[in-house]
C-alpha atoms as a PDB file:
ATOM      1  CA  UNK A   1      46.456 -42.474 -17.509  1.00  0.00           C
ATOM      2  CA  UNK A   2      48.447 -41.960 -20.704  1.00  0.00           C
ATOM      3  CA  UNK A   3      51.123 -39.286 -20.661  1.00  0.00           C
ATOM      4  CA  UNK A   4      52.457 -36.853 -23.226  1.00  0.00           C
ATOM      5  CA  UNK A   5      55.833 -35.160 -23.039  1.00  0.00           C
ATOM      6  CA  UNK A   6      56.262 -32.108 -25.261  1.00  0.00           C
ATOM      7  CA  UNK A   7      59.819 -30.800 -25.518  1.00  0.00           C
ATOM      8  CA  UNK A   8      60.231 -27.263 -26.805  1.00  0.00           C
ATOM      9  CA  UNK A   9      63.730 -26.358 -27.992  1.00  0.00           C
ATOM     10  CA  UNK A  10      62.852 -23.364 -30.176  1.00  0.00           C
ATOM     11  CA  UNK A  11      62.364 -19.719 -29.151  1.00  0.00           C
ATOM     12  CA  UNK A  12      58.853 -18.281 -28.819  1.00  0.00           C
ATOM     13  CA  UNK A  13      59.105 -16.041 -31.894  1.00  0.00           C
ATOM     14  CA  UNK A  14      60.059 -16.622 -35.516  1.00  0.00           C
ATOM     15  CA  UNK A  15      58.162 -19.861 -36.084  1.00  0.00           C
ATOM     16  CA  UNK A  16      54.924 -21.422 -34.844  1.00  0.00           C
ATOM     17  CA  UNK A  17      56.825 -24.147 -32.945  1.00  0.00           C
ATOM     18  CA  UNK A  18      56.392 -22.634 -29.478  1.00  0.00           C
ATOM     19  CA  UNK A  19      52.695 -21.939 -29.952  1.00  0.00           C
ATOM     20  CA  UNK A  20      52.120 -25.448 -31.312  1.00  0.00           C
ATOM     21  CA  UNK A  21      54.026 -27.041 -28.442  1.00  0.00           C
ATOM     22  CA  UNK A  22      51.931 -25.156 -25.872  1.00  0.00           C
ATOM     23  CA  UNK A  23      48.733 -25.927 -27.800  1.00  0.00           C
ATOM     24  CA  UNK A  24      49.441 -29.663 -28.006  1.00  0.00           C
ATOM     25  CA  UNK A  25      50.480 -29.976 -24.364  1.00  0.00           C
ATOM     26  CA  UNK A  26      47.478 -27.979 -23.168  1.00  0.00           C
ATOM     27  CA  UNK A  27      45.077 -29.792 -25.460  1.00  0.00           C
ATOM     28  CA  UNK A  28      46.228 -33.223 -24.338  1.00  0.00           C
ATOM     29  CA  UNK A  29      45.552 -32.346 -20.722  1.00  0.00           C
ATOM     30  CA  UNK A  30      41.935 -31.730 -21.726  1.00  0.00           C
ATOM     31  CA  UNK A  31      41.693 -35.321 -22.967  1.00  0.00           C
ATOM     32  CA  UNK A  32      42.751 -36.970 -19.699  1.00  0.00           C
ATOM     33  CA  UNK A  33      46.438 -37.169 -20.534  1.00  0.00           C
ATOM     34  CA  UNK A  34      49.102 -36.391 -18.011  1.00  0.00           C
ATOM     35  CA  UNK A  35      50.750 -33.609 -19.975  1.00  0.00           C
ATOM     36  CA  UNK A  36      54.271 -32.275 -19.451  1.00  0.00           C
ATOM     37  CA  UNK A  37      55.767 -29.328 -21.335  1.00  0.00           C
ATOM     38  CA  UNK A  38      59.558 -29.196 -21.036  1.00  0.00           C
ATOM     39  CA  UNK A  39      61.397 -26.050 -22.147  1.00  0.00           C
ATOM     40  CA  UNK A  40      65.038 -26.496 -23.088  1.00  0.00           C
ATOM     41  CA  UNK A  41      67.607 -24.647 -25.209  1.00  0.00           C
ATOM     42  CA  UNK A  42      66.058 -21.403 -26.588  1.00  0.00           C
ATOM     43  CA  UNK A  43      62.611 -22.714 -25.617  1.00  0.00           C
ATOM     44  CA  UNK A  44      63.247 -21.339 -22.115  1.00  0.00           C
ATOM     45  CA  UNK A  45      62.411 -17.855 -23.409  1.00  0.00           C
ATOM     46  CA  UNK A  46      58.797 -19.000 -23.804  1.00  0.00           C
ATOM     47  CA  UNK A  47      58.413 -18.861 -20.003  1.00  0.00           C
ATOM     48  CA  UNK A  48      60.064 -15.455 -19.562  1.00  0.00           C
ATOM     49  CA  UNK A  49      57.986 -12.853 -17.709  1.00  0.00           C
ATOM     50  CA  UNK A  50      56.960  -9.643 -19.440  1.00  0.00           C
ATOM     51  CA  UNK A  51      57.505 -10.680 -23.027  1.00  0.00           C
ATOM     52  CA  UNK A  52      56.772  -8.064 -25.648  1.00  0.00           C
ATOM     53  CA  UNK A  53      56.111  -9.642 -29.021  1.00  0.00           C
ATOM     54  CA  UNK A  54      56.086  -6.149 -30.531  1.00  0.00           C
ATOM     55  CA  UNK A  55      56.109  -6.329 -34.326  1.00  0.00           C
ATOM     56  CA  UNK A  56      56.948 -10.027 -34.603  1.00  0.00           C
ATOM     57  CA  UNK A  57      53.438 -11.023 -35.651  1.00  0.00           C
ATOM     58  CA  UNK A  58      53.416 -13.614 -32.847  1.00  0.00           C
ATOM     59  CA  UNK A  59      51.652 -13.630 -29.496  1.00  0.00           C
ATOM     60  CA  UNK A  60      53.485 -13.892 -26.188  1.00  0.00           C
ATOM     61  CA  UNK A  61      52.904 -17.268 -24.539  1.00  0.00           C
ATOM     62  CA  UNK A  62      53.790 -16.483 -20.929  1.00  0.00           C
ATOM     63  CA  UNK A  63      50.187 -15.864 -19.899  1.00  0.00           C
ATOM     64  CA  UNK A  64      49.108 -19.112 -21.571  1.00  0.00           C
ATOM     65  CA  UNK A  65      51.723 -21.034 -19.601  1.00  0.00           C
ATOM     66  CA  UNK A  66      50.494 -19.488 -16.359  1.00  0.00           C
ATOM     67  CA  UNK A  67      46.885 -20.396 -17.134  1.00  0.00           C
ATOM     68  CA  UNK A  68      47.718 -23.935 -18.243  1.00  0.00           C
ATOM     69  CA  UNK A  69      50.026 -24.699 -15.312  1.00  0.00           C
ATOM     70  CA  UNK A  70      46.959 -25.876 -13.360  1.00  0.00           C
ATOM     71  CA  UNK A  71      46.230 -28.476 -16.048  1.00  0.00           C
ATOM     72  CA  UNK A  72      49.717 -29.622 -17.005  1.00  0.00           C
ATOM     73  CA  UNK A  73      53.237 -29.672 -15.655  1.00  0.00           C
ATOM     74  CA  UNK A  74      55.656 -27.100 -17.080  1.00  0.00           C
ATOM     75  CA  UNK A  75      59.397 -27.450 -16.533  1.00  0.00           C
ATOM     76  CA  UNK A  76      62.396 -25.491 -17.691  1.00  0.00           C
ATOM     77  CA  UNK A  77      65.954 -26.791 -17.916  1.00  0.00           C
ATOM     78  CA  UNK A  78      68.202 -25.085 -15.333  1.00  0.00           C
ATOM     79  CA  UNK A  79      71.277 -25.444 -17.549  1.00  0.00           C
ATOM     80  CA  UNK A  80      69.490 -23.809 -20.498  1.00  0.00           C
ATOM     81  CA  UNK A  81      68.307 -20.962 -18.263  1.00  0.00           C
ATOM     82  CA  UNK A  82      71.887 -20.234 -17.276  1.00  0.00           C
ATOM     83  CA  UNK A  83      73.186 -20.558 -20.846  1.00  0.00           C
ATOM     84  CA  UNK A  84      70.624 -17.964 -22.000  1.00  0.00           C
ATOM     85  CA  UNK A  85      71.257 -15.506 -19.169  1.00  0.00           C
ATOM     86  CA  UNK A  86      68.014 -16.182 -17.303  1.00  0.00           C
ATOM     87  CA  UNK A  87      67.253 -17.244 -13.750  1.00  0.00           C
ATOM     88  CA  UNK A  88      64.198 -18.701 -12.014  1.00  0.00           C
ATOM     89  CA  UNK A  89      63.032 -15.208 -10.986  1.00  0.00           C
ATOM     90  CA  UNK A  90      62.677 -14.359 -14.700  1.00  0.00           C
ATOM     91  CA  UNK A  91      59.988 -17.022 -15.219  1.00  0.00           C
ATOM     92  CA  UNK A  92      56.206 -16.772 -15.145  1.00  0.00           C
ATOM     93  CA  UNK A  93      54.313 -18.441 -12.303  1.00  0.00           C
ATOM     94  CA  UNK A  94      53.719 -22.178 -12.530  1.00  0.00           C
ATOM     95  CA  UNK A  95      56.996 -23.085 -14.244  1.00  0.00           C
ATOM     96  CA  UNK A  96      59.422 -25.308 -12.328  1.00  0.00           C
ATOM     97  CA  UNK A  97      63.179 -25.383 -12.926  1.00  0.00           C
ATOM     98  CA  UNK A  98      64.622 -28.874 -13.400  1.00  0.00           C
ATOM     99  CA  UNK A  99      68.168 -30.193 -13.151  1.00  0.00           C
ATOM    100  CA  UNK A 100      67.395 -32.932 -15.684  1.00  0.00           C
ATOM    101  CA  UNK A 101      65.908 -35.417 -13.224  1.00  0.00           C
ATOM    102  CA  UNK A 102      62.316 -34.760 -14.298  1.00  0.00           C
ATOM    103  CA  UNK A 103      63.230 -34.860 -17.989  1.00  0.00           C
ATOM    104  CA  UNK A 104      64.905 -38.234 -17.526  1.00  0.00           C
ATOM    105  CA  UNK A 105      61.855 -39.609 -15.708  1.00  0.00           C
ATOM    106  CA  UNK A 106      59.409 -38.159 -18.259  1.00  0.00           C
ATOM    107  CA  UNK A 107      61.339 -39.584 -21.210  1.00  0.00           C
ATOM    108  CA  UNK A 108      61.228 -43.038 -19.641  1.00  0.00           C
ATOM    109  CA  UNK A 109      57.556 -42.961 -18.692  1.00  0.00           C
ATOM    110  CA  UNK A 110      55.732 -40.988 -21.411  1.00  0.00           C
ATOM    111  CA  UNK A 111      53.713 -42.940 -23.954  1.00  0.00           C
ATOM    112  CA  UNK A 112      54.173 -40.149 -26.505  1.00  0.00           C
ATOM    113  CA  UNK A 113      56.975 -37.613 -26.955  1.00  0.00           C
ATOM    114  CA  UNK A 114      56.737 -34.604 -29.284  1.00  0.00           C
ATOM    115  CA  UNK A 115      59.741 -32.382 -29.974  1.00  0.00           C
ATOM    116  CA  UNK A 116      59.505 -28.838 -31.309  1.00  0.00           C
END
């Protein structure tokens, strides 16, 4: 089975990067890819519980991550969580914190890597 690693470094609001990262990772899983979405840097906010997009013009993606976690793997960088004042309890269901081990493995084994 081919695998896709999507790395999201950007926050969930302000650009379409987060939505596109989630869309590509979720879509690939529907085409028999092993799909991994890895949230790092400000991308960790994409998995934060209870997001309120308010007047940003963007949709919150937390619910999408929860729904897609059955079809793809979703990881968040522990170091980035700490740097942005978040902890594992702040994350939606289905997201796994990673110390970098999974990212290292995924970078070595994925046939395709997309970075947002």
